[in-house]
């Protein structure tokens, strides 16, 4: 499968952010290629 990560910006100061933004930030997204290569190396997959 894909290497996934959480989106940044949902740890604190959520009161002034719109519900739409916080919902979007809740969704996981696939990691970029450089991060994916590093993560796979750490997991022993490559």
C-alpha atoms as a PDB file:
ATOM      1  CA  UNK A   1       0.000   0.000   0.000  1.00  0.00           C
ATOM      2  CA  UNK A   2       0.880   3.648   0.083  1.00  0.00           C
ATOM      3  CA  UNK A   3       2.803   5.372   2.849  1.00  0.00           C
ATOM      4  CA  UNK A   4       0.278   7.743   4.439  1.00  0.00           C
ATOM      5  CA  UNK A   5       0.712  10.713   6.773  1.00  0.00           C
ATOM      6  CA  UNK A   6      -1.467  13.110   8.732  1.00  0.00           C
ATOM      7  CA  UNK A   7      -1.896  16.641   7.469  1.00  0.00           C
ATOM      8  CA  UNK A   8      -0.209  19.411   9.412  1.00  0.00           C
ATOM      9  CA  UNK A   9      -2.094  22.142  11.253  1.00  0.00           C
ATOM     10  CA  UNK A  10      -4.581  20.258  13.426  1.00  0.00           C
ATOM     11  CA  UNK A  11      -2.879  20.244  16.829  1.00  0.00           C
ATOM     12  CA  UNK A  12      -3.928  23.543  18.368  1.00  0.00           C
ATOM     13  CA  UNK A  13      -5.562  26.898  17.592  1.00  0.00           C
ATOM     14  CA  UNK A  14      -8.522  25.115  15.998  1.00  0.00           C
ATOM     15  CA  UNK A  15     -11.099  27.558  17.335  1.00  0.00           C
ATOM     16  CA  UNK A  16     -10.621  30.126  14.586  1.00  0.00           C
ATOM     17  CA  UNK A  17     -10.344  27.566  11.780  1.00  0.00           C
ATOM     18  CA  UNK A  18     -13.525  26.751   9.895  1.00  0.00           C
ATOM     19  CA  UNK A  19     -15.195  23.350  10.212  1.00  0.00           C
ATOM     20  CA  UNK A  20     -14.518  22.795   6.547  1.00  0.00           C
ATOM     21  CA  UNK A  21     -10.774  23.269   7.063  1.00  0.00           C
ATOM     22  CA  UNK A  22     -10.586  20.993  10.118  1.00  0.00           C
ATOM     23  CA  UNK A  23     -12.494  18.266   8.266  1.00  0.00           C
ATOM     24  CA  UNK A  24     -10.076  18.528   5.356  1.00  0.00           C
ATOM     25  CA  UNK A  25      -7.119  18.345   7.732  1.00  0.00           C
ATOM     26  CA  UNK A  26      -8.556  15.163   9.290  1.00  0.00           C
ATOM     27  CA  UNK A  27      -8.117  13.246   6.051  1.00  0.00           C
ATOM     28  CA  UNK A  28      -4.879  11.364   5.617  1.00  0.00           C
ATOM     29  CA  UNK A  29      -2.899  11.879   2.455  1.00  0.00           C
ATOM     30  CA  UNK A  30      -0.191   9.947   0.708  1.00  0.00           C
ATOM     31  CA  UNK A  31       3.359  11.005   1.489  1.00  0.00           C
ATOM     32  CA  UNK A  32       5.672  12.606  -1.056  1.00  0.00           C
ATOM     33  CA  UNK A  33       8.221  10.448  -2.845  1.00  0.00           C
ATOM     34  CA  UNK A  34      11.222  11.578  -0.771  1.00  0.00           C
ATOM     35  CA  UNK A  35       9.436  10.865   2.512  1.00  0.00           C
ATOM     36  CA  UNK A  36       8.175   7.551   1.143  1.00  0.00           C
ATOM     37  CA  UNK A  37      11.681   6.412   0.242  1.00  0.00           C
ATOM     38  CA  UNK A  38      12.966   7.311   3.723  1.00  0.00           C
ATOM     39  CA  UNK A  39      10.056   5.591   5.469  1.00  0.00           C
ATOM     40  CA  UNK A  40      10.423   2.417   3.399  1.00  0.00           C
ATOM     41  CA  UNK A  41      14.138   2.330   4.185  1.00  0.00           C
ATOM     42  CA  UNK A  42      13.377   2.657   7.905  1.00  0.00           C
ATOM     43  CA  UNK A  43      10.813  -0.151   7.668  1.00  0.00           C
ATOM     44  CA  UNK A  44      13.275  -2.391   5.853  1.00  0.00           C
ATOM     45  CA  UNK A  45      11.199  -2.544   2.678  1.00  0.00           C
ATOM     46  CA  UNK A  46      13.881  -1.199   0.345  1.00  0.00           C
END
